[in-house]
Amino acid sequence: MRKIEAVLPASLRQNKNRINRLVVEAVSRLTGGAQDQAWATELREGKSGRSMLYIIRR
C-alpha cells in the first residue's frame, strides 16, 4: 500500500479507501485473478512484532 501511495498525487494520498481499491486492482492484475480466487490476504505477526497484512498467492 505504501508503494502505491508514494506514487499518487498528494490530492489522492488522503483517500485510504481509494488506495486500498488500487492495491486490490494491482494485485489482481499481477496474479491474474480476483481476490479470494487467485490470491488472499492473511494477518501475520511481522519481524518487528507488529501485525502485518500479507498477500498469499493461491
N, C-alpha and C. Protein backbone atom coordinates (compact mmCIF):
# COMPACT_ATOMS: atom_id res chain seq x y z
N MET A 1 0.83 -1.19 0.00
CA MET A 1 0.00 0.00 0.00
C MET A 1 0.87 1.25 0.00
N ARG A 2 1.95 1.22 0.76
CA ARG A 2 2.81 2.41 0.84
C ARG A 2 3.46 2.73 -0.49
N LYS A 3 3.82 1.70 -1.26
CA LYS A 3 4.46 1.95 -2.55
C LYS A 3 3.50 2.61 -3.52
N ILE A 4 2.25 2.18 -3.53
CA ILE A 4 1.26 2.80 -4.41
C ILE A 4 0.96 4.21 -3.93
N GLU A 5 0.82 4.38 -2.63
CA GLU A 5 0.56 5.70 -2.06
C GLU A 5 1.67 6.69 -2.42
N ALA A 6 2.90 6.22 -2.45
CA ALA A 6 4.05 7.10 -2.72
C ALA A 6 4.04 7.68 -4.13
N VAL A 7 3.44 6.99 -5.08
CA VAL A 7 3.44 7.49 -6.46
C VAL A 7 2.16 8.24 -6.83
N LEU A 8 1.22 8.31 -5.90
CA LEU A 8 -0.02 9.04 -6.16
C LEU A 8 0.18 10.54 -5.95
N PRO A 9 -0.60 11.35 -6.66
CA PRO A 9 -0.59 12.78 -6.39
C PRO A 9 -1.06 13.04 -4.95
N ALA A 10 -0.58 14.11 -4.38
CA ALA A 10 -0.90 14.45 -2.99
C ALA A 10 -2.41 14.50 -2.75
N SER A 11 -3.16 14.93 -3.73
CA SER A 11 -4.61 15.06 -3.57
C SER A 11 -5.29 13.70 -3.36
N LEU A 12 -4.66 12.62 -3.80
CA LEU A 12 -5.25 11.28 -3.66
C LEU A 12 -4.71 10.52 -2.47
N ARG A 13 -3.60 10.95 -1.91
CA ARG A 13 -2.97 10.22 -0.80
C ARG A 13 -3.82 10.18 0.45
N GLN A 14 -4.72 11.10 0.61
CA GLN A 14 -5.55 11.15 1.82
C GLN A 14 -6.69 10.15 1.77
N ASN A 15 -7.00 9.64 0.60
CA ASN A 15 -8.14 8.75 0.43
C ASN A 15 -7.69 7.29 0.56
N LYS A 16 -7.66 6.77 1.78
CA LYS A 16 -7.17 5.41 2.04
C LYS A 16 -8.06 4.36 1.37
N ASN A 17 -9.36 4.61 1.27
CA ASN A 17 -10.25 3.65 0.59
C ASN A 17 -9.87 3.50 -0.87
N ARG A 18 -9.56 4.60 -1.50
CA ARG A 18 -9.17 4.55 -2.91
C ARG A 18 -7.84 3.81 -3.07
N ILE A 19 -6.92 4.07 -2.15
CA ILE A 19 -5.63 3.38 -2.20
C ILE A 19 -5.83 1.88 -2.03
N ASN A 20 -6.68 1.48 -1.10
CA ASN A 20 -6.98 0.05 -0.90
C ASN A 20 -7.55 -0.57 -2.16
N ARG A 21 -8.44 0.12 -2.83
CA ARG A 21 -9.02 -0.39 -4.09
C ARG A 21 -7.94 -0.53 -5.16
N LEU A 22 -7.00 0.42 -5.20
CA LEU A 22 -5.91 0.33 -6.17
C LEU A 22 -4.99 -0.85 -5.88
N VAL A 23 -4.77 -1.13 -4.61
CA VAL A 23 -3.95 -2.29 -4.24
C VAL A 23 -4.63 -3.57 -4.70
N VAL A 24 -5.92 -3.69 -4.43
CA VAL A 24 -6.67 -4.88 -4.86
C VAL A 24 -6.60 -5.02 -6.37
N GLU A 25 -6.79 -3.95 -7.10
CA GLU A 25 -6.74 -4.00 -8.57
C GLU A 25 -5.35 -4.38 -9.05
N ALA A 26 -4.32 -3.79 -8.47
CA ALA A 26 -2.94 -4.09 -8.89
C ALA A 26 -2.58 -5.54 -8.62
N VAL A 27 -2.89 -6.05 -7.44
CA VAL A 27 -2.56 -7.43 -7.10
C VAL A 27 -3.36 -8.40 -7.97
N SER A 28 -4.60 -8.08 -8.24
CA SER A 28 -5.42 -8.93 -9.11
C SER A 28 -4.82 -9.01 -10.51
N ARG A 29 -4.34 -7.91 -11.01
CA ARG A 29 -3.70 -7.93 -12.34
C ARG A 29 -2.39 -8.69 -12.32
N LEU A 30 -1.60 -8.51 -11.27
CA LEU A 30 -0.31 -9.18 -11.17
C LEU A 30 -0.45 -10.69 -11.01
N THR A 31 -1.48 -11.14 -10.30
CA THR A 31 -1.66 -12.57 -10.06
C THR A 31 -2.55 -13.23 -11.10
N GLY A 32 -3.18 -12.44 -11.93
CA GLY A 32 -4.02 -12.99 -12.99
C GLY A 32 -5.38 -13.47 -12.52
N GLY A 33 -5.85 -12.94 -11.40
CA GLY A 33 -7.16 -13.36 -10.91
C GLY A 33 -7.64 -12.51 -9.76
N ALA A 34 -8.89 -12.68 -9.44
CA ALA A 34 -9.54 -11.88 -8.41
C ALA A 34 -9.13 -12.31 -7.01
N GLN A 35 -9.34 -11.38 -6.06
CA GLN A 35 -9.12 -11.68 -4.66
C GLN A 35 -10.03 -12.83 -4.25
N ASP A 36 -9.53 -13.71 -3.40
CA ASP A 36 -10.21 -14.90 -2.91
C ASP A 36 -10.30 -16.00 -3.97
N GLN A 37 -9.74 -15.76 -5.15
CA GLN A 37 -9.63 -16.81 -6.15
C GLN A 37 -8.16 -17.06 -6.46
N ALA A 38 -7.46 -16.04 -6.94
CA ALA A 38 -6.04 -16.17 -7.27
C ALA A 38 -5.14 -15.79 -6.11
N TRP A 39 -5.69 -15.03 -5.17
CA TRP A 39 -4.89 -14.57 -4.03
C TRP A 39 -5.80 -14.22 -2.87
N ALA A 40 -5.20 -14.14 -1.70
CA ALA A 40 -5.94 -13.79 -0.49
C ALA A 40 -5.01 -13.00 0.43
N THR A 41 -5.55 -12.47 1.49
CA THR A 41 -4.74 -11.77 2.48
C THR A 41 -4.78 -12.56 3.78
N GLU A 42 -3.71 -12.39 4.54
CA GLU A 42 -3.61 -13.09 5.81
C GLU A 42 -2.88 -12.19 6.80
N LEU A 43 -3.44 -12.04 7.98
CA LEU A 43 -2.83 -11.22 9.02
C LEU A 43 -1.82 -12.08 9.78
N ARG A 44 -0.57 -11.62 9.80
CA ARG A 44 0.51 -12.35 10.49
C ARG A 44 1.32 -11.37 11.31
N GLU A 45 2.06 -11.92 12.26
CA GLU A 45 2.97 -11.10 13.04
C GLU A 45 4.25 -10.93 12.25
N GLY A 46 4.67 -9.68 12.04
CA GLY A 46 5.89 -9.40 11.31
C GLY A 46 7.11 -9.54 12.20
N LYS A 47 8.29 -9.36 11.62
CA LYS A 47 9.55 -9.47 12.36
C LYS A 47 9.62 -8.47 13.51
N SER A 48 8.98 -7.34 13.32
CA SER A 48 9.00 -6.30 14.35
C SER A 48 8.04 -6.61 15.51
N GLY A 49 7.23 -7.64 15.34
CA GLY A 49 6.24 -7.98 16.36
C GLY A 49 4.88 -7.37 16.09
N ARG A 50 4.81 -6.45 15.12
CA ARG A 50 3.53 -5.85 14.76
C ARG A 50 2.79 -6.75 13.79
N SER A 51 1.48 -6.69 13.83
CA SER A 51 0.67 -7.44 12.87
C SER A 51 0.75 -6.76 11.51
N MET A 52 0.93 -7.59 10.49
CA MET A 52 1.01 -7.08 9.13
C MET A 52 0.10 -7.92 8.24
N LEU A 53 -0.43 -7.29 7.22
CA LEU A 53 -1.29 -7.98 6.27
C LEU A 53 -0.44 -8.47 5.12
N TYR A 54 -0.43 -9.77 4.91
CA TYR A 54 0.37 -10.38 3.84
C TYR A 54 -0.56 -10.80 2.70
N ILE A 55 -0.02 -10.78 1.50
CA ILE A 55 -0.74 -11.25 0.32
C ILE A 55 -0.24 -12.66 0.02
N ILE A 56 -1.17 -13.60 -0.07
CA ILE A 56 -0.86 -15.00 -0.30
C ILE A 56 -1.41 -15.41 -1.66
N ARG A 57 -0.54 -15.88 -2.52
CA ARG A 57 -0.99 -16.35 -3.83
C ARG A 57 -1.50 -17.78 -3.71
N ARG A 58 -2.62 -18.05 -4.34
CA ARG A 58 -3.22 -19.40 -4.28
C ARG A 58 -2.86 -20.20 -5.48
